[in-house]
Protein backbone atom coordinates (compact mmCIF):
# COMPACT_ATOMS: atom_id res chain seq x y z
CA MET A 1 16.73 4.50 10.25
CA ASP A 2 16.26 5.54 13.91
CA ASP A 3 14.47 8.75 12.82
CA HIS A 4 11.99 6.70 10.76
CA ILE A 5 11.24 4.38 13.69
CA ARG A 6 10.38 7.38 15.85
CA ARG A 7 8.28 8.98 13.13
CA GLY A 8 5.94 7.00 10.92
CA ILE A 9 6.70 3.37 11.76
CA SER A 10 5.03 1.15 14.34
CA LEU A 11 6.54 -2.24 15.07
CA THR A 12 3.19 -3.51 16.37
CA ALA A 13 0.67 -2.45 13.67
CA VAL A 14 -0.66 -5.44 11.72
CA PRO A 15 -1.99 -5.13 8.16
CA SER A 16 -5.66 -4.18 7.83
CA GLY A 17 -6.26 -7.06 5.41
CA THR A 18 -4.95 -8.51 2.16
CA GLY A 19 -6.35 -5.90 -0.23
CA CYS A 20 -7.01 -2.18 -0.49
CA VAL A 21 -9.46 -1.27 2.28
CA GLU A 22 -11.29 1.37 0.24
CA CYS A 23 -11.43 -0.60 -3.02
CA LEU A 24 -12.84 -3.63 -1.18
CA SER A 25 -15.39 -1.47 0.66
CA GLY A 26 -17.02 -0.58 -2.64
CA ALA A 27 -15.22 2.67 -3.49
CA GLU A 28 -15.16 2.92 -7.28
CA PRO A 29 -13.48 1.76 -9.40
CA GLY A 30 -12.78 -0.96 -6.85
CA TRP A 31 -9.52 -2.46 -8.13
CA TRP A 32 -5.79 -1.90 -7.71
CA PHE A 33 -2.52 -2.40 -9.52
CA HIS A 34 -0.21 -2.91 -6.51
CA LEU A 35 -0.71 -2.67 -2.76
CA ARG A 36 0.99 -0.48 -0.17
CA ARG A 37 1.01 -0.74 3.62
CA CYS A 38 1.03 2.16 6.05
CA ALA A 39 4.04 1.58 8.28
CA GLU A 40 2.37 3.38 11.16
CA CYS A 41 -1.12 1.82 11.38
CA GLY A 42 -1.12 -1.10 8.91
CA HIS A 43 -3.72 0.36 6.52
CA ILE A 44 -3.55 -1.43 3.16
CA GLY A 45 -4.20 0.84 0.19
CA CYS A 46 -3.62 0.84 -3.53
CA CYS A 47 -0.46 2.34 -5.07
CA ASP A 48 -0.10 5.62 -6.95
CA SER A 49 -0.30 3.81 -10.30
CA SER A 50 -3.74 2.49 -9.32
CA PRO A 51 -6.79 4.49 -10.40
CA SER A 52 -7.74 5.61 -6.87
CA GLN A 53 -4.33 5.97 -5.16
CA HIS A 54 -5.77 5.13 -1.74
CA ALA A 55 -2.42 4.52 0.02
CA SER A 56 -1.18 8.08 -0.61
CA ALA A 57 -4.61 9.50 0.24
CA HIS A 58 -4.50 7.67 3.58
CA ALA A 59 -0.98 8.93 4.28
CA LEU A 60 -2.05 12.53 3.67
CA THR A 61 -5.33 12.45 5.63
CA ALA A 62 -3.99 10.38 8.55
CA GLY A 63 -0.62 12.13 8.70
CA HIS A 64 1.20 8.81 8.36
CA PRO A 65 4.13 9.60 6.05
CA VAL A 66 5.80 6.19 5.65
CA ILE A 67 4.53 3.39 3.40
CA THR A 68 6.02 0.06 2.46
CA SER A 69 5.28 -2.36 -0.32
CA PHE A 70 2.68 -5.05 0.34
CA GLU A 71 3.76 -7.05 -2.70
CA PRO A 72 5.54 -10.42 -2.46
CA GLU A 73 9.35 -10.21 -2.43
CA GLU A 74 9.41 -6.40 -2.03
CA ASP A 75 10.71 -4.94 1.22
CA TRP A 76 11.28 -1.24 0.60
CA PHE A 77 9.97 1.70 2.63
CA TYR A 78 9.13 5.15 1.28
CA ASP A 79 8.76 8.43 3.16
CA LEU A 80 6.23 10.63 1.37
CA THR A 81 7.47 13.79 3.11
CA THR A 82 11.10 13.39 2.03
CA GLN A 83 10.34 11.36 -1.12
CA GLN A 84 13.10 8.97 -0.09
CA THR A 85 13.18 5.18 -0.30
CA PHE A 86 14.96 3.45 2.59
CA ASP A 87 15.47 0.07 4.28
CA GLY A 88 13.26 -0.36 7.31
CA PRO A 89 12.58 -2.85 10.08
CA ARG A 90 10.53 -6.02 9.71
CA LEU A 91 6.90 -5.26 10.47
CA PRO A 92 4.36 -7.76 11.84
CA ASP A 93 3.22 -10.49 9.44
CA PRO A 94 1.91 -10.90 6.88
CA GLN A 95 4.59 -9.11 4.87
CA SER A 96 2.61 -9.09 1.61
CA ARG A 97 -0.62 -10.01 -0.08
CA PRO A 98 -1.03 -13.77 -0.54
CA TRP A 99 0.87 -15.24 -3.49
CA ASN A 100 -2.36 -16.64 -4.93
CA GLN A 101 -4.04 -13.22 -4.90
CA PRO A 102 -3.67 -11.70 -8.37
CA SER A 103 -2.13 -8.35 -9.15
CA PRO A 104 -3.86 -6.34 -10.39
CA GLY A 105 -6.77 -7.31 -8.20
CA PRO A 106 -9.10 -8.23 -6.80
CA GLU A 107 -10.03 -11.03 -9.13
CA GLY A 108 -13.20 -10.29 -11.03
CA LYS A 109 -13.05 -6.50 -10.57
CA VAL A 110 -10.16 -5.62 -12.92
CA PRO A 111 -11.25 -4.35 -16.35
CA LYS A 112 -9.81 -6.03 -19.45
CA ASP A 113 -8.23 -2.70 -20.47
CA TRP A 114 -6.74 -2.10 -17.00
CA LYS A 115 -3.39 -0.86 -18.33
CA ARG A 116 -5.17 2.09 -19.92
CA HIS A 117 -6.42 3.19 -16.48
CA LEU A 118 -3.03 3.30 -14.71
CA HIS A 119 -1.56 6.58 -13.54
CA ARG A 120 1.88 7.31 -14.98
CA ALA A 121 4.59 9.24 -13.16
């Protein structure tokens, strides 16, 4: 884990909010399936199953290779350059979106046929 702390993880970066920054700013389609947190700067983006895949886009444009889940009760890290999942350090709170925040979300923006819009691996 020491290599990941030196590259791609900041122990001081707080989350940018409780939802995908780009989706909440009005970027279409404006909803997400699950949330991911940049381990280096705290940017919250939507996962690769989400229509817009903002977390991976941020990682590529910012050069921040490590993401972690921002979902309740998930504590994994993922390095996009090595495509490896690993255990990482505890980052500053909050550790996840609020329990009362729905997933997919945000409430009121998710289409009824949302499953049809998910990206599949």
